[in-house]
N, C-alpha and C. Protein backbone atom coordinates (compact mmCIF):
# COMPACT_ATOMS: atom_id res chain seq x y z
N MET A 1 142.38 90.08 37.28
CA MET A 1 141.16 89.55 37.87
C MET A 1 141.13 88.04 37.61
N ASN A 2 140.69 87.30 38.58
CA ASN A 2 140.57 85.86 38.52
C ASN A 2 139.64 85.45 37.36
N LYS A 3 140.00 84.38 36.63
CA LYS A 3 139.20 83.90 35.50
C LYS A 3 137.79 83.48 35.93
N TYR A 4 137.66 82.91 37.13
CA TYR A 4 136.35 82.48 37.61
C TYR A 4 135.44 83.68 37.86
N ILE A 5 136.00 84.74 38.38
CA ILE A 5 135.21 85.97 38.60
C ILE A 5 134.79 86.55 37.25
N LYS A 6 135.69 86.54 36.29
CA LYS A 6 135.35 87.02 34.94
C LYS A 6 134.22 86.17 34.33
N LEU A 7 134.29 84.87 34.55
CA LEU A 7 133.24 83.98 34.03
C LEU A 7 131.90 84.30 34.69
N ILE A 8 131.90 84.47 35.99
CA ILE A 8 130.66 84.79 36.71
C ILE A 8 130.09 86.12 36.24
N ILE A 9 130.94 87.13 36.11
CA ILE A 9 130.49 88.44 35.62
C ILE A 9 129.93 88.32 34.22
N SER A 10 130.65 87.59 33.36
CA SER A 10 130.24 87.43 31.97
C SER A 10 128.88 86.76 31.84
N ILE A 11 128.61 85.78 32.68
CA ILE A 11 127.32 85.08 32.63
C ILE A 11 126.22 85.91 33.30
N CYS A 12 126.56 86.61 34.37
CA CYS A 12 125.56 87.38 35.11
C CYS A 12 125.02 88.57 34.30
N ILE A 13 125.85 89.17 33.47
CA ILE A 13 125.39 90.35 32.71
C ILE A 13 124.22 90.00 31.79
N PRO A 14 124.34 88.99 30.91
CA PRO A 14 123.18 88.66 30.08
C PRO A 14 121.98 88.15 30.89
N LEU A 15 122.27 87.39 31.95
CA LEU A 15 121.16 86.91 32.78
C LEU A 15 120.43 88.09 33.44
N LEU A 16 121.16 89.10 33.86
CA LEU A 16 120.55 90.29 34.45
C LEU A 16 119.68 91.02 33.42
N ILE A 17 120.20 91.16 32.21
CA ILE A 17 119.43 91.80 31.14
C ILE A 17 118.14 91.01 30.89
N GLY A 18 118.27 89.70 30.85
CA GLY A 18 117.09 88.85 30.67
C GLY A 18 116.10 89.00 31.81
N PHE A 19 116.61 89.05 33.02
CA PHE A 19 115.74 89.22 34.19
C PHE A 19 115.01 90.57 34.14
N LEU A 20 115.74 91.63 33.78
CA LEU A 20 115.11 92.95 33.69
C LEU A 20 114.06 92.97 32.58
N GLY A 21 114.37 92.33 31.46
CA GLY A 21 113.40 92.25 30.37
C GLY A 21 112.16 91.47 30.75
N SER A 22 112.35 90.45 31.58
CA SER A 22 111.21 89.63 31.99
C SER A 22 110.21 90.41 32.84
N ALA A 23 110.65 91.50 33.45
CA ALA A 23 109.73 92.34 34.22
C ALA A 23 108.62 92.90 33.31
N PHE A 24 108.95 93.13 32.06
CA PHE A 24 107.96 93.64 31.10
C PHE A 24 107.15 92.50 30.49
N THR A 25 107.74 91.32 30.47
CA THR A 25 107.10 90.17 29.86
C THR A 25 106.07 89.53 30.78
N THR A 26 106.42 89.37 32.03
CA THR A 26 105.61 88.61 32.98
C THR A 26 104.18 89.10 33.07
N SER A 27 103.97 90.40 33.15
CA SER A 27 102.61 90.92 33.30
C SER A 27 101.76 90.67 32.05
N SER A 28 102.36 90.66 30.88
CA SER A 28 101.61 90.48 29.64
C SER A 28 101.36 89.02 29.27
N ILE A 29 102.16 88.12 29.81
CA ILE A 29 102.04 86.70 29.48
C ILE A 29 100.67 86.15 29.86
N SER A 30 100.12 86.62 30.95
CA SER A 30 98.83 86.09 31.40
C SER A 30 97.65 86.99 31.02
N THR A 31 97.92 88.17 30.47
CA THR A 31 96.81 89.08 30.14
C THR A 31 96.71 89.34 28.64
N TRP A 32 97.60 90.10 28.11
CA TRP A 32 97.54 90.55 26.72
C TRP A 32 97.95 89.47 25.72
N TYR A 33 99.04 88.79 25.99
CA TYR A 33 99.61 87.83 25.04
C TYR A 33 98.65 86.68 24.70
N PRO A 34 97.95 86.08 25.66
CA PRO A 34 97.04 84.98 25.32
C PRO A 34 95.91 85.39 24.37
N GLU A 35 95.56 86.67 24.38
CA GLU A 35 94.47 87.15 23.54
C GLU A 35 94.87 87.36 22.07
N LEU A 36 96.18 87.36 21.80
CA LEU A 36 96.66 87.59 20.44
C LEU A 36 96.39 86.38 19.55
N ASN A 37 96.18 86.66 18.28
CA ASN A 37 96.16 85.59 17.29
C ASN A 37 97.60 85.21 17.02
N LYS A 38 97.89 83.90 17.10
CA LYS A 38 99.26 83.43 16.93
C LYS A 38 99.30 82.34 15.86
N PRO A 39 100.43 82.22 15.19
CA PRO A 39 100.54 81.17 14.16
C PRO A 39 100.59 79.78 14.79
N VAL A 40 100.38 78.78 13.96
CA VAL A 40 100.35 77.40 14.46
C VAL A 40 101.71 76.96 15.02
N PHE A 41 102.77 77.59 14.57
CA PHE A 41 104.10 77.20 15.03
C PHE A 41 104.53 77.93 16.31
N ASN A 42 103.60 78.66 16.93
CA ASN A 42 103.91 79.36 18.17
C ASN A 42 104.15 78.34 19.29
N PRO A 43 105.35 78.35 19.90
CA PRO A 43 105.61 77.39 20.98
C PRO A 43 104.80 77.73 22.23
N PRO A 44 104.64 76.76 23.13
CA PRO A 44 103.97 77.07 24.39
C PRO A 44 104.78 78.08 25.19
N SER A 45 104.10 78.92 25.93
CA SER A 45 104.76 80.01 26.66
C SER A 45 105.83 79.52 27.63
N TRP A 46 105.64 78.33 28.22
CA TRP A 46 106.57 77.84 29.23
C TRP A 46 107.96 77.56 28.65
N ILE A 47 108.09 77.40 27.34
CA ILE A 47 109.38 77.06 26.74
C ILE A 47 110.35 78.24 26.70
N PHE A 48 109.81 79.46 26.66
CA PHE A 48 110.66 80.63 26.47
C PHE A 48 111.64 80.86 27.63
N GLY A 49 111.20 80.69 28.85
CA GLY A 49 112.07 80.92 30.01
C GLY A 49 113.31 80.04 30.00
N PRO A 50 113.14 78.70 29.91
CA PRO A 50 114.32 77.84 29.88
C PRO A 50 115.23 78.08 28.67
N VAL A 51 114.63 78.31 27.50
CA VAL A 51 115.45 78.54 26.30
C VAL A 51 116.27 79.82 26.47
N TRP A 52 115.62 80.91 26.89
CA TRP A 52 116.34 82.17 27.05
C TRP A 52 117.41 82.07 28.14
N THR A 53 117.13 81.36 29.21
CA THR A 53 118.13 81.20 30.27
C THR A 53 119.37 80.51 29.72
N LEU A 54 119.16 79.43 29.00
CA LEU A 54 120.29 78.72 28.40
C LEU A 54 121.05 79.61 27.41
N LEU A 55 120.31 80.35 26.59
CA LEU A 55 120.96 81.24 25.62
C LEU A 55 121.75 82.34 26.31
N TYR A 56 121.21 82.91 27.37
CA TYR A 56 121.94 83.96 28.10
C TYR A 56 123.23 83.41 28.71
N ILE A 57 123.18 82.19 29.19
CA ILE A 57 124.40 81.57 29.73
C ILE A 57 125.43 81.38 28.62
N MET A 58 124.97 80.93 27.46
CA MET A 58 125.88 80.75 26.32
C MET A 58 126.46 82.08 25.84
N ILE A 59 125.63 83.11 25.84
CA ILE A 59 126.11 84.45 25.46
C ILE A 59 127.19 84.90 26.45
N GLY A 60 126.94 84.66 27.73
CA GLY A 60 127.91 85.03 28.75
C GLY A 60 129.23 84.29 28.60
N ILE A 61 129.15 83.00 28.32
CA ILE A 61 130.38 82.22 28.11
C ILE A 61 131.11 82.73 26.87
N SER A 62 130.35 83.08 25.85
CA SER A 62 130.93 83.61 24.62
C SER A 62 131.75 84.87 24.89
N ILE A 63 131.16 85.81 25.61
CA ILE A 63 131.90 87.06 25.86
C ILE A 63 133.06 86.82 26.84
N TYR A 64 132.89 85.85 27.72
CA TYR A 64 133.99 85.47 28.61
C TYR A 64 135.20 85.00 27.79
N LEU A 65 134.95 84.17 26.79
CA LEU A 65 136.04 83.66 25.95
C LEU A 65 136.76 84.80 25.22
N VAL A 66 136.00 85.82 24.86
CA VAL A 66 136.63 87.00 24.25
C VAL A 66 137.46 87.72 25.30
N TRP A 67 136.90 87.90 26.47
CA TRP A 67 137.55 88.64 27.55
C TRP A 67 138.89 88.02 27.94
N VAL A 68 138.93 86.69 28.05
CA VAL A 68 140.15 86.04 28.52
C VAL A 68 141.07 85.59 27.38
N SER A 69 140.69 85.88 26.15
CA SER A 69 141.52 85.45 25.03
C SER A 69 142.88 86.14 25.05
N LYS A 70 143.79 85.55 24.35
CA LYS A 70 145.15 86.09 24.26
C LYS A 70 145.26 87.14 23.15
N GLU A 71 144.15 87.51 22.56
CA GLU A 71 144.13 88.50 21.48
C GLU A 71 144.85 89.77 21.92
N LYS A 72 145.82 90.17 21.15
CA LYS A 72 146.62 91.36 21.47
C LYS A 72 145.97 92.63 20.96
N ASN A 73 145.09 92.49 19.96
CA ASN A 73 144.46 93.65 19.34
C ASN A 73 143.34 94.16 20.25
N LYS A 74 143.66 95.13 21.07
CA LYS A 74 142.69 95.68 22.02
C LYS A 74 141.52 96.37 21.30
N LYS A 75 141.80 96.93 20.13
CA LYS A 75 140.75 97.60 19.35
C LYS A 75 139.69 96.59 18.90
N MET A 76 140.13 95.40 18.52
CA MET A 76 139.20 94.35 18.10
C MET A 76 138.35 93.90 19.28
N LYS A 77 138.97 93.72 20.43
CA LYS A 77 138.21 93.34 21.63
C LYS A 77 137.20 94.43 21.99
N LYS A 78 137.64 95.67 21.89
CA LYS A 78 136.76 96.79 22.23
C LYS A 78 135.54 96.81 21.31
N LYS A 79 135.75 96.59 20.01
CA LYS A 79 134.63 96.54 19.05
C LYS A 79 133.68 95.41 19.41
N THR A 80 134.26 94.26 19.78
CA THR A 80 133.44 93.10 20.13
C THR A 80 132.60 93.38 21.38
N PHE A 81 133.20 93.99 22.38
CA PHE A 81 132.45 94.33 23.59
C PHE A 81 131.36 95.37 23.28
N PHE A 82 131.67 96.31 22.40
CA PHE A 82 130.69 97.34 22.03
C PHE A 82 129.48 96.70 21.34
N ILE A 83 129.74 95.83 20.38
CA ILE A 83 128.65 95.16 19.68
C ILE A 83 127.88 94.25 20.63
N PHE A 84 128.59 93.61 21.54
CA PHE A 84 127.95 92.79 22.58
C PHE A 84 126.96 93.64 23.37
N GLY A 85 127.38 94.85 23.75
CA GLY A 85 126.51 95.76 24.49
C GLY A 85 125.30 96.18 23.68
N ILE A 86 125.50 96.48 22.41
CA ILE A 86 124.38 96.86 21.52
C ILE A 86 123.40 95.70 21.42
N GLN A 87 123.94 94.52 21.24
CA GLN A 87 123.10 93.33 21.12
C GLN A 87 122.24 93.13 22.37
N LEU A 88 122.85 93.24 23.54
CA LEU A 88 122.08 93.08 24.78
C LEU A 88 121.04 94.19 24.95
N PHE A 89 121.40 95.40 24.56
CA PHE A 89 120.46 96.51 24.64
C PHE A 89 119.25 96.25 23.74
N LEU A 90 119.49 95.83 22.50
CA LEU A 90 118.38 95.55 21.57
C LEU A 90 117.53 94.40 22.08
N ASN A 91 118.16 93.42 22.70
CA ASN A 91 117.44 92.30 23.27
C ASN A 91 116.51 92.78 24.39
N PHE A 92 117.03 93.62 25.25
CA PHE A 92 116.26 94.17 26.36
C PHE A 92 115.10 95.04 25.85
N ILE A 93 115.39 95.89 24.87
CA ILE A 93 114.37 96.80 24.33
C ILE A 93 113.22 96.03 23.68
N TRP A 94 113.53 94.88 23.08
CA TRP A 94 112.47 94.10 22.44
C TRP A 94 111.38 93.75 23.45
N SER A 95 111.77 93.33 24.64
CA SER A 95 110.77 92.97 25.66
C SER A 95 109.89 94.15 26.02
N ILE A 96 110.49 95.32 26.10
CA ILE A 96 109.73 96.53 26.41
C ILE A 96 108.76 96.86 25.28
N LEU A 97 109.26 96.79 24.05
CA LEU A 97 108.41 97.12 22.91
C LEU A 97 107.27 96.11 22.74
N PHE A 98 107.62 94.83 22.71
CA PHE A 98 106.62 93.81 22.42
C PHE A 98 105.65 93.60 23.58
N PHE A 99 106.18 93.29 24.74
CA PHE A 99 105.31 92.98 25.87
C PHE A 99 104.92 94.20 26.68
N GLY A 100 105.88 95.07 26.97
CA GLY A 100 105.60 96.23 27.81
C GLY A 100 104.68 97.24 27.16
N ASN A 101 104.96 97.58 25.89
CA ASN A 101 104.17 98.60 25.19
C ASN A 101 103.25 98.05 24.12
N GLN A 102 103.34 96.74 23.88
CA GLN A 102 102.49 96.05 22.90
C GLN A 102 102.61 96.67 21.50
N LEU A 103 103.82 97.05 21.16
CA LEU A 103 104.12 97.63 19.85
C LEU A 103 104.77 96.53 18.99
N ILE A 104 103.94 95.66 18.46
CA ILE A 104 104.43 94.46 17.78
C ILE A 104 105.26 94.81 16.55
N GLY A 105 104.82 95.79 15.77
CA GLY A 105 105.55 96.19 14.56
C GLY A 105 106.91 96.78 14.88
N LEU A 106 106.96 97.65 15.87
CA LEU A 106 108.22 98.26 16.27
C LEU A 106 109.15 97.21 16.89
N ALA A 107 108.57 96.26 17.61
CA ALA A 107 109.36 95.16 18.17
C ALA A 107 109.98 94.33 17.04
N PHE A 108 109.24 94.19 15.94
CA PHE A 108 109.78 93.45 14.80
C PHE A 108 111.01 94.17 14.22
N VAL A 109 110.92 95.48 14.09
CA VAL A 109 112.07 96.26 13.61
C VAL A 109 113.26 96.05 14.55
N ASP A 110 113.00 96.10 15.83
CA ASP A 110 114.05 95.90 16.83
C ASP A 110 114.68 94.52 16.71
N ILE A 111 113.87 93.49 16.54
CA ILE A 111 114.42 92.13 16.51
C ILE A 111 115.23 91.90 15.23
N ILE A 112 114.88 92.58 14.15
CA ILE A 112 115.70 92.50 12.94
C ILE A 112 117.06 93.14 13.20
N LEU A 113 117.05 94.30 13.85
CA LEU A 113 118.31 94.95 14.22
C LEU A 113 119.12 94.07 15.17
N LEU A 114 118.43 93.39 16.07
CA LEU A 114 119.09 92.47 16.99
C LEU A 114 119.77 91.35 16.21
N GLY A 115 119.08 90.78 15.25
CA GLY A 115 119.67 89.72 14.44
C GLY A 115 120.93 90.20 13.72
N ILE A 116 120.87 91.41 13.19
CA ILE A 116 122.04 92.00 12.52
C ILE A 116 123.18 92.18 13.52
N ALA A 117 122.86 92.67 14.71
CA ALA A 117 123.88 92.85 15.75
C ALA A 117 124.51 91.52 16.14
N ILE A 118 123.71 90.46 16.20
CA ILE A 118 124.23 89.14 16.55
C ILE A 118 125.19 88.65 15.45
N ILE A 119 124.83 88.88 14.20
CA ILE A 119 125.71 88.49 13.09
C ILE A 119 127.04 89.22 13.20
N PHE A 120 127.00 90.53 13.46
CA PHE A 120 128.24 91.29 13.66
C PHE A 120 129.01 90.75 14.86
N ASN A 121 128.30 90.43 15.92
CA ASN A 121 128.95 89.90 17.11
C ASN A 121 129.64 88.57 16.80
N ILE A 122 128.97 87.70 16.06
CA ILE A 122 129.58 86.43 15.67
C ILE A 122 130.84 86.70 14.84
N TYR A 123 130.75 87.62 13.91
CA TYR A 123 131.88 87.95 13.04
C TYR A 123 133.09 88.40 13.86
N PHE A 124 132.88 89.35 14.77
CA PHE A 124 134.00 89.86 15.57
C PHE A 124 134.49 88.82 16.58
N CYS A 125 133.58 88.08 17.17
CA CYS A 125 134.00 87.03 18.10
C CYS A 125 134.84 85.99 17.37
N TYR A 126 134.47 85.65 16.16
CA TYR A 126 135.19 84.63 15.40
C TYR A 126 136.65 85.02 15.18
N LYS A 127 136.89 86.31 15.02
CA LYS A 127 138.25 86.80 14.82
C LYS A 127 139.10 86.63 16.08
N ILE A 128 138.42 86.55 17.22
CA ILE A 128 139.14 86.45 18.50
C ILE A 128 139.12 85.02 19.04
N SER A 129 137.95 84.39 19.00
CA SER A 129 137.80 83.03 19.52
C SER A 129 136.68 82.34 18.75
N LYS A 130 137.06 81.33 17.98
CA LYS A 130 136.06 80.60 17.19
C LYS A 130 134.98 80.01 18.09
N ASN A 131 135.38 79.46 19.23
CA ASN A 131 134.40 78.88 20.15
C ASN A 131 133.41 79.92 20.64
N SER A 132 133.89 81.13 20.85
CA SER A 132 133.01 82.22 21.26
C SER A 132 131.95 82.46 20.20
N ALA A 133 132.36 82.47 18.95
CA ALA A 133 131.42 82.68 17.85
C ALA A 133 130.42 81.53 17.75
N TYR A 134 130.92 80.30 17.89
CA TYR A 134 130.04 79.13 17.78
C TYR A 134 128.96 79.13 18.86
N LEU A 135 129.30 79.64 20.04
CA LEU A 135 128.31 79.70 21.13
C LEU A 135 127.16 80.65 20.82
N LEU A 136 127.36 81.57 19.89
CA LEU A 136 126.31 82.53 19.55
C LEU A 136 125.38 82.04 18.43
N ILE A 137 125.72 80.96 17.78
CA ILE A 137 124.89 80.46 16.67
C ILE A 137 123.49 80.05 17.15
N PRO A 138 123.34 79.31 18.25
CA PRO A 138 121.97 79.01 18.71
C PRO A 138 121.16 80.28 19.02
N TYR A 139 121.82 81.28 19.54
CA TYR A 139 121.17 82.57 19.82
C TYR A 139 120.66 83.18 18.51
N LEU A 140 121.48 83.19 17.48
CA LEU A 140 121.06 83.72 16.19
C LEU A 140 119.90 82.91 15.62
N LEU A 141 119.96 81.60 15.74
CA LEU A 141 118.87 80.75 15.23
C LEU A 141 117.57 81.02 15.98
N TRP A 142 117.65 81.13 17.31
CA TRP A 142 116.45 81.39 18.11
C TRP A 142 115.87 82.77 17.79
N VAL A 143 116.73 83.77 17.67
CA VAL A 143 116.25 85.12 17.35
C VAL A 143 115.67 85.15 15.94
N SER A 144 116.23 84.36 15.03
CA SER A 144 115.66 84.28 13.68
C SER A 144 114.26 83.68 13.74
N PHE A 145 114.11 82.61 14.51
CA PHE A 145 112.78 82.03 14.70
C PHE A 145 111.84 83.03 15.37
N ALA A 146 112.33 83.71 16.39
CA ALA A 146 111.51 84.71 17.09
C ALA A 146 111.12 85.85 16.16
N SER A 147 111.97 86.19 15.21
CA SER A 147 111.66 87.24 14.23
C SER A 147 110.49 86.82 13.36
N VAL A 148 110.53 85.57 12.90
CA VAL A 148 109.42 85.04 12.08
C VAL A 148 108.14 85.02 12.90
N LEU A 149 108.26 84.59 14.14
CA LEU A 149 107.10 84.54 15.03
C LEU A 149 106.56 85.95 15.28
N ASN A 150 107.43 86.89 15.56
CA ASN A 150 107.05 88.29 15.79
C ASN A 150 106.31 88.84 14.56
N PHE A 151 106.86 88.58 13.38
CA PHE A 151 106.23 89.07 12.14
C PHE A 151 104.86 88.43 11.94
N ALA A 152 104.76 87.13 12.16
CA ALA A 152 103.48 86.44 12.01
C ALA A 152 102.43 87.00 12.97
N ILE A 153 102.82 87.25 14.21
CA ILE A 153 101.89 87.82 15.18
C ILE A 153 101.47 89.22 14.74
N PHE A 154 102.42 89.97 14.21
CA PHE A 154 102.11 91.33 13.70
C PHE A 154 101.07 91.24 12.58
N ILE A 155 101.26 90.34 11.65
CA ILE A 155 100.35 90.18 10.50
C ILE A 155 98.97 89.72 10.98
N LEU A 156 98.95 88.78 11.91
CA LEU A 156 97.67 88.20 12.37
C LEU A 156 96.88 89.13 13.28
N ASN A 157 97.53 90.18 13.76
CA ASN A 157 96.83 91.06 14.69
C ASN A 157 96.76 92.46 14.13
């Protein structure tokens, strides 16, 4: 398969997950979410879309680098793709839990699991492509911040 097609597929998958997750977010952003008590460090709502879009693109490039790497160990690549899938699933589920079902506490549990999955993903990506792993660091930092924010909202409400 052409490398450009692999790149497009790799970027489109996380963007699609983000788009599907936003279906649960959009309706709550203007109704339920504004009514919540939020900490002083809560960013304005408009920032989340651009940040997540950029992160999804970086996640896609990261998995692309794994996909096209010269790594001969197919088992290692398979583990990396598996963890990548788990990570995207947990990311998607968070939107459903937090915004769709307004289960802030359960969403917090999910986002902690997501953070752990990202750490594993970074670990396995690093074994295949250091650049792939480095591209996931902003994602881990953002999810770490989102975890603190999620917990604070849970406590305040």
